[in-house]
């Protein structure tokens, strides 16, 4: 089978399985009704925000469909997981509104061939990793109709989980009568309490900057990309940057995690690879929490000949919010709400939104 045919086949197979799952009912899997092992394994595997482990199982299932002799437990990479996921499976999942990332299996099993206890140990959440191993063991040792039932049940449970997230009602933002500071306070409380691996703060800062420069010739870039991609691999000069006529002007690194020297080294490497060492870099983070490992002088640091500026993210939000019209700030809240509504955003973060904006 040619590579393109294989990837198309992967996409078609996942789409077909999900269409079959849409017509299924719980009673169609009566053999698992009292099988606590199977039900619990899929709960631990699927009903978690960590997408990588169910991505590993899904990729292995597709690998078995392509090649019945494939051994996912001892030679996981033999199915070319990156290609069949990114060029086939990912499209099917997106078409069916299933939570997924661009490279789910690679996020937890990059360069891994054996999927076993050694691989699962220490991964987070470990119960999801072990569930991936044990469910694949059930699939591999089963044959014929029994194997198909296990695979169909996986797709059914995956679809049920997706529906539960998609049906979650997100609270509307209500800004009438609220001052800019009061609106900004909610944005800060939500983004700091529920950062969604850094995606929420990064998206918020991009939205605020976009409103600030709405009538200017500057363009705000990078804010809609996932924080999981490194600047070096994604060819970005920073998390967010402003540019005029395609030329970057200011670079912003947004984080709510510790900023250490390794993070600065990575930043310098990314700048050098893009020949952008001359551009000013500002870290928008929590001060002092995220910079306790650095020896800042007036919130700046000269490291390896590069000067980095640091601004507290909370004060940044308050300050920028004060520059906006109330309706502009309302637009920021609405755009952030729409971002939170996405099926790929965790239920915990959606609940966090409602706890802040639903009062």
Protein backbone atom coordinates (compact mmCIF):
# COMPACT_ATOMS: atom_id res chain seq x y z
CA UNK A 1 0.00 0.00 0.00
CA UNK A 2 1.35 3.41 -0.97
CA UNK A 3 1.86 6.03 1.75
CA UNK A 4 -0.92 8.30 0.52
CA UNK A 5 -3.32 5.35 0.20
CA UNK A 6 -2.42 4.21 3.71
CA UNK A 7 -3.12 7.63 5.22
CA UNK A 8 -6.43 7.96 3.35
CA UNK A 9 -7.34 4.46 4.49
CA UNK A 10 -6.59 5.44 8.10
CA UNK A 11 -8.88 8.45 7.86
CA UNK A 12 -11.65 6.46 6.21
CA UNK A 13 -11.43 3.66 8.78
CA UNK A 14 -11.70 6.02 11.78
CA UNK A 15 -14.58 7.89 10.14
CA UNK A 16 -16.37 4.61 9.45
CA UNK A 17 -15.89 3.40 13.03
CA UNK A 18 -17.18 6.67 14.46
CA UNK A 19 -20.22 6.59 12.16
CA UNK A 20 -20.91 3.08 13.40
CA UNK A 21 -20.53 4.28 17.00
CA UNK A 22 -23.06 7.08 16.40
CA UNK A 23 -25.71 4.47 15.66
CA UNK A 24 -24.77 2.27 18.63
CA UNK A 25 -26.40 2.09 22.07
CA UNK A 26 -25.03 0.98 25.43
CA UNK A 27 -27.05 -2.25 25.24
CA UNK A 28 -25.18 -3.17 22.06
CA UNK A 29 -22.21 -3.86 24.33
CA UNK A 30 -24.03 -6.00 26.88
CA UNK A 31 -21.01 -8.27 27.22
CA UNK A 32 -19.19 -5.40 28.93
CA UNK A 33 -22.10 -4.43 31.21
CA UNK A 34 -20.74 -6.41 34.12
CA UNK A 35 -17.10 -6.42 32.99
CA UNK A 36 -15.66 -3.89 35.38
CA UNK A 37 -12.16 -4.30 33.95
CA UNK A 38 -13.06 -3.21 30.41
CA UNK A 39 -15.34 -0.38 31.52
CA UNK A 40 -12.82 0.96 34.04
CA UNK A 41 -9.94 0.74 31.58
CA UNK A 42 -11.80 2.87 29.05
CA UNK A 43 -12.88 5.34 31.73
CA UNK A 44 -9.26 5.81 32.80
CA UNK A 45 -8.06 5.93 29.19
CA UNK A 46 -10.66 8.18 27.57
CA UNK A 47 -12.28 10.35 30.23
CA UNK A 48 -9.16 12.39 30.95
CA UNK A 49 -7.86 15.59 29.37
CA UNK A 50 -4.55 13.94 28.45
CA UNK A 51 -5.19 13.07 24.80
CA UNK A 52 -1.94 11.22 24.10
CA UNK A 53 -2.80 7.87 25.66
CA UNK A 54 -6.07 7.37 23.83
CA UNK A 55 -4.19 8.60 20.75
CA UNK A 56 -1.70 5.76 21.21
CA UNK A 57 -4.48 3.17 21.43
CA UNK A 58 -6.32 4.64 18.45
CA UNK A 59 -3.14 4.67 16.37
CA UNK A 60 -2.42 1.06 17.32
CA UNK A 61 -5.97 0.04 16.37
CA UNK A 62 -5.55 1.67 12.97
CA UNK A 63 -2.15 0.00 12.62
CA UNK A 64 -3.79 -3.40 13.19
CA UNK A 65 -6.42 -2.56 10.59
CA UNK A 66 -3.71 -1.73 8.03
CA UNK A 67 -1.56 -4.75 8.91
CA UNK A 68 -3.12 -7.61 10.95
CA UNK A 69 0.42 -8.85 11.77
CA UNK A 70 1.35 -5.53 13.41
CA UNK A 71 2.45 -5.85 17.08
CA UNK A 72 1.73 -2.51 18.79
CA UNK A 73 2.93 -3.66 22.21
CA UNK A 74 6.43 -4.60 21.10
CA UNK A 75 6.94 -2.60 17.90
CA UNK A 76 4.66 0.41 18.15
CA UNK A 77 6.58 2.45 15.56
CA UNK A 78 6.22 -0.22 12.89
CA UNK A 79 2.87 1.34 11.87
CA UNK A 80 4.46 4.75 11.13
CA UNK A 81 2.39 6.41 13.89
CA UNK A 82 3.26 10.01 13.08
CA UNK A 83 2.19 9.73 9.45
CA UNK A 84 -1.04 7.79 9.93
CA UNK A 85 -2.11 9.99 12.84
CA UNK A 86 -1.19 13.43 11.48
CA UNK A 87 -2.14 12.70 7.86
CA UNK A 88 -5.15 10.47 8.45
CA UNK A 89 -6.55 9.89 11.92
CA UNK A 90 -6.35 13.56 12.98
CA UNK A 91 -8.61 14.65 10.14
CA UNK A 92 -11.25 12.06 11.02
CA UNK A 93 -11.23 13.09 14.67
CA UNK A 94 -11.61 16.76 13.78
CA UNK A 95 -14.43 16.02 11.37
CA UNK A 96 -16.29 14.30 14.20
CA UNK A 97 -15.47 16.90 16.91
CA UNK A 98 -13.40 14.44 18.94
CA UNK A 99 -10.89 16.14 21.32
CA UNK A 100 -7.41 15.66 19.91
CA UNK A 101 -4.07 17.30 19.32
CA UNK A 102 -2.04 17.34 16.13
CA UNK A 103 0.45 14.71 17.34
CA UNK A 104 -1.26 12.94 20.24
CA UNK A 105 0.58 9.59 20.21
CA UNK A 106 3.96 11.25 19.73
CA UNK A 107 3.41 13.47 22.78
CA UNK A 108 3.57 10.43 25.07
CA UNK A 109 5.29 7.71 23.03
CA UNK A 110 7.86 9.45 20.84
CA UNK A 111 10.63 7.00 19.85
CA UNK A 112 9.02 4.31 22.02
CA UNK A 113 8.64 0.80 20.66
CA UNK A 114 7.51 -1.19 23.69
CA UNK A 115 4.27 -0.18 25.41
CA UNK A 116 4.47 -1.74 28.86
CA UNK A 117 4.72 -0.96 32.58
CA UNK A 118 8.17 0.58 32.15
CA UNK A 119 6.80 3.03 29.59
CA UNK A 120 3.71 3.85 31.67
CA UNK A 121 5.54 4.40 34.96
CA UNK A 122 5.85 8.07 35.80
CA UNK A 123 3.65 9.30 32.99
CA UNK A 124 0.81 11.62 33.88
CA UNK A 125 -1.81 10.49 34.54
CA UNK A 126 -0.23 7.10 35.08
CA UNK A 127 -3.60 5.34 35.27
CA UNK A 128 -4.31 6.50 31.70
CA UNK A 129 -0.95 5.20 30.49
CA UNK A 130 -1.51 1.83 32.16
CA UNK A 131 -5.04 1.71 30.77
CA UNK A 132 -3.59 2.17 27.28
CA UNK A 133 -1.22 -0.75 27.81
CA UNK A 134 -3.83 -3.07 29.32
CA UNK A 135 -6.54 -2.27 26.78
CA UNK A 136 -4.13 -2.92 23.93
CA UNK A 137 -3.22 -6.22 25.57
CA UNK A 138 -6.90 -7.18 25.57
CA UNK A 139 -7.21 -6.26 21.89
CA UNK A 140 -4.03 -8.06 20.83
CA UNK A 141 -4.86 -11.33 22.60
CA UNK A 142 -8.46 -11.36 21.35
CA UNK A 143 -9.50 -12.61 17.91
CA UNK A 144 -12.29 -12.14 15.40
CA UNK A 145 -15.62 -10.90 16.76
CA UNK A 146 -14.27 -10.39 20.27
CA UNK A 147 -11.53 -8.07 19.00
CA UNK A 148 -14.00 -6.09 16.89
CA UNK A 149 -16.29 -5.66 19.91
CA UNK A 150 -13.43 -4.28 22.00
CA UNK A 151 -12.50 -1.89 19.19
CA UNK A 152 -16.11 -0.80 18.61
CA UNK A 153 -16.59 -0.22 22.32
CA UNK A 154 -13.49 1.99 22.36
CA UNK A 155 -14.96 4.15 19.58
CA UNK A 156 -18.36 4.21 21.27
CA UNK A 157 -16.91 5.39 24.57
CA UNK A 158 -14.71 7.94 22.76
CA UNK A 159 -17.79 9.37 21.05
CA UNK A 160 -19.77 9.45 24.31
CA UNK A 161 -16.97 11.38 26.01
CA UNK A 162 -16.79 13.83 23.14
CA UNK A 163 -20.55 14.42 23.29
CA UNK A 164 -20.41 15.08 27.04
CA UNK A 165 -17.83 17.82 26.48
CA UNK A 166 -19.62 19.29 23.48
CA UNK A 167 -22.91 19.51 25.39
CA UNK A 168 -21.40 21.34 28.36
CA UNK A 169 -23.00 24.77 28.62
CA UNK A 170 -20.53 27.67 28.96
CA UNK A 171 -21.72 30.69 30.94
CA UNK A 172 -22.27 33.91 29.00
CA UNK A 173 -20.14 36.92 29.84
CA UNK A 174 -22.07 39.79 31.41
CA UNK A 175 -20.21 43.09 31.46
CA UNK A 176 -23.03 45.64 31.77
CA UNK A 177 -22.31 48.02 34.62
CA UNK A 178 -18.87 46.53 35.26
CA UNK A 179 -15.79 48.74 35.10
CA UNK A 180 -12.77 47.77 33.03
CA UNK A 181 -10.92 46.86 36.20
CA UNK A 182 -13.74 44.60 37.33
CA UNK A 183 -13.86 42.85 33.96
CA UNK A 184 -10.07 42.50 33.95
CA UNK A 185 -10.14 41.04 37.46
CA UNK A 186 -12.31 38.16 36.23
CA UNK A 187 -10.05 37.58 33.24
CA UNK A 188 -7.02 37.43 35.55
CA UNK A 189 -8.72 35.14 38.05
CA UNK A 190 -9.80 32.72 35.34
CA UNK A 191 -6.55 32.67 33.33
CA UNK A 192 -4.39 32.22 36.43
CA UNK A 193 -6.65 29.59 38.00
CA UNK A 194 -7.28 27.58 34.83
CA UNK A 195 -4.34 28.13 32.46
CA UNK A 196 -5.01 25.00 30.35
CA UNK A 197 -1.29 24.22 30.04
CA UNK A 198 -0.62 27.87 29.23
CA UNK A 199 -3.08 28.14 26.33
CA UNK A 200 -5.51 30.43 28.17
CA UNK A 201 -3.00 33.12 29.30
CA UNK A 202 -1.36 33.11 25.87
CA UNK A 203 -4.69 33.47 24.10
CA UNK A 204 -5.82 36.21 26.48
CA UNK A 205 -2.68 38.30 25.94
CA UNK A 206 -3.04 37.93 22.16
CA UNK A 207 -6.67 39.06 22.33
CA UNK A 208 -5.81 42.10 24.44
CA UNK A 209 -2.96 43.14 22.15
CA UNK A 210 -5.17 42.67 19.10
CA UNK A 211 -7.72 45.09 20.55
CA UNK A 212 -5.05 47.61 21.54
CA UNK A 213 -3.64 47.69 18.00
CA UNK A 214 -7.02 47.33 16.30
CA UNK A 215 -6.71 50.64 14.44
CA UNK A 216 -2.93 50.55 14.02
CA UNK A 217 -0.81 49.16 11.22
CA UNK A 218 0.69 46.57 13.55
CA UNK A 219 -0.49 42.97 13.33
CA UNK A 220 -0.52 40.64 16.35
CA UNK A 221 0.70 37.14 15.44
CA UNK A 222 1.12 33.74 17.06
CA UNK A 223 -1.62 33.94 19.67
CA UNK A 224 -3.85 31.29 18.16
CA UNK A 225 -1.18 28.59 17.99
CA UNK A 226 -0.86 25.86 20.59
CA UNK A 227 1.65 26.29 23.40
CA UNK A 228 2.71 22.65 22.94
CA UNK A 229 4.83 23.46 19.90
CA UNK A 230 8.29 24.82 20.62
CA UNK A 231 9.40 28.01 18.91
CA UNK A 232 12.30 26.18 17.30
CA UNK A 233 10.21 23.46 15.66
CA UNK A 234 7.29 25.73 14.74
CA UNK A 235 9.55 28.46 13.26
CA UNK A 236 7.99 31.11 15.49
CA UNK A 237 10.14 33.93 16.89
CA UNK A 238 8.08 33.90 20.14
CA UNK A 239 4.73 32.89 21.60
CA UNK A 240 3.26 36.19 20.39
CA UNK A 241 4.78 38.98 18.34
CA UNK A 242 3.80 42.17 16.59
CA UNK A 243 4.83 42.91 13.05
CA UNK A 244 4.48 45.52 10.32
CA UNK A 245 4.33 44.40 6.70
CA UNK A 246 5.59 40.95 7.68
CA UNK A 247 8.54 42.19 9.75
CA UNK A 248 8.51 41.31 13.48
CA UNK A 249 8.79 44.29 15.84
CA UNK A 250 8.32 43.10 19.44
CA UNK A 251 8.42 39.56 20.82
CA UNK A 252 6.44 38.28 23.81
CA UNK A 253 6.89 35.03 25.70
CA UNK A 254 3.79 34.25 27.78
CA UNK A 255 3.91 31.70 30.59
CA UNK A 256 2.62 30.87 34.04
CA UNK A 257 5.43 28.41 34.73
CA UNK A 258 8.92 28.87 36.10
CA UNK A 259 11.24 30.76 33.78
CA UNK A 260 14.72 29.32 34.16
CA UNK A 261 17.97 29.64 32.23
CA UNK A 262 17.03 26.67 30.03
CA UNK A 263 13.94 28.57 28.88
CA UNK A 264 16.14 31.58 28.05
CA UNK A 265 18.58 29.33 26.18
CA UNK A 266 15.69 27.91 24.14
CA UNK A 267 14.55 31.44 23.36
CA UNK A 268 18.02 32.47 22.22
CA UNK A 269 18.31 29.34 20.05
CA UNK A 270 14.96 30.11 18.40
CA UNK A 271 16.00 33.71 17.75
CA UNK A 272 19.32 32.66 16.26
CA UNK A 273 17.67 30.10 13.98
CA UNK A 274 15.44 32.86 12.62
CA UNK A 275 18.15 35.53 12.60
CA UNK A 276 16.08 37.60 15.05
CA UNK A 277 18.55 38.11 17.92
CA UNK A 278 18.19 41.89 17.61
CA UNK A 279 14.47 41.93 18.43
CA UNK A 280 13.32 42.94 21.95
CA UNK A 281 11.90 40.07 24.04
CA UNK A 282 9.49 40.54 26.93
CA UNK A 283 8.43 37.70 29.22
CA UNK A 284 4.87 38.16 30.44
CA UNK A 285 4.68 35.93 33.51
CA UNK A 286 3.95 35.92 37.22
CA UNK A 287 6.32 38.05 39.25
CA UNK A 288 7.85 36.99 41.59
CA UNK A 289 6.58 33.37 41.39
CA UNK A 290 7.93 32.51 37.95
CA UNK A 291 11.26 34.36 38.14
CA UNK A 292 12.54 33.25 41.53
CA UNK A 293 15.37 31.28 39.86
CA UNK A 294 16.61 34.37 37.99
CA UNK A 295 18.59 37.33 39.30
CA UNK A 296 16.56 40.17 37.83
CA UNK A 297 17.56 43.80 38.15
CA UNK A 298 14.55 46.09 37.82
CA UNK A 299 12.73 43.23 36.10
CA UNK A 300 15.37 42.82 33.41
CA UNK A 301 18.12 40.26 32.87
CA UNK A 302 21.17 40.39 30.61
CA UNK A 303 21.87 36.75 29.72
CA UNK A 304 24.54 35.75 27.18
CA UNK A 305 24.47 39.24 25.74
CA UNK A 306 20.70 39.29 25.28
CA UNK A 307 18.54 41.58 27.44
CA UNK A 308 15.21 40.11 28.52
CA UNK A 309 12.44 42.22 30.04
CA UNK A 310 9.86 40.82 32.45
CA UNK A 311 6.33 42.06 33.20
CA UNK A 312 3.85 40.61 35.68
CA UNK A 313 1.03 39.08 33.67
CA UNK A 314 -1.66 40.21 36.09
CA UNK A 315 -0.53 43.83 35.99
CA UNK A 316 -0.20 43.58 32.21
CA UNK A 317 -3.85 42.54 31.89
CA UNK A 318 -5.00 45.31 34.22
CA UNK A 319 -2.93 47.95 32.44
CA UNK A 320 -3.91 46.98 28.90
CA UNK A 321 -7.57 46.67 29.92
CA UNK A 322 -7.46 50.29 31.13
CA UNK A 323 -6.53 51.36 27.57
CA UNK A 324 -9.54 49.71 25.96
CA UNK A 325 -13.10 50.84 25.46
CA UNK A 326 -15.56 48.83 27.59
CA UNK A 327 -17.01 47.25 24.45
CA UNK A 328 -13.51 46.21 23.33
CA UNK A 329 -12.91 44.48 26.65
CA UNK A 330 -16.29 42.82 26.33
CA UNK A 331 -15.19 41.51 22.92
CA UNK A 332 -12.08 40.03 24.55
CA UNK A 333 -14.24 38.17 27.07
CA UNK A 334 -16.54 36.87 24.33
CA UNK A 335 -13.61 35.69 22.21
CA UNK A 336 -12.05 33.95 25.22
CA UNK A 337 -15.39 32.29 25.98
CA UNK A 338 -15.52 30.97 22.41
CA UNK A 339 -12.00 29.61 22.84
CA UNK A 340 -13.01 27.85 26.07
CA UNK A 341 -16.05 26.36 24.30
CA UNK A 342 -13.80 24.42 21.93
CA UNK A 343 -14.09 20.65 22.35
CA UNK A 344 -10.31 20.39 22.86
CA UNK A 345 -10.42 22.53 26.02
CA UNK A 346 -10.71 20.43 29.17
CA UNK A 347 -13.88 20.06 31.22
CA UNK A 348 -11.97 21.38 34.24
CA UNK A 349 -11.26 24.64 32.42
CA UNK A 350 -14.87 24.92 31.22
CA UNK A 351 -16.05 24.45 34.80
CA UNK A 352 -13.52 27.06 35.89
CA UNK A 353 -14.95 29.52 33.39
CA UNK A 354 -18.43 29.02 34.78
CA UNK A 355 -17.21 29.41 38.34
CA UNK A 356 -15.70 32.81 37.50
CA UNK A 357 -18.12 34.23 34.94
CA UNK A 358 -21.29 32.44 35.95
CA UNK A 359 -21.70 34.16 39.33
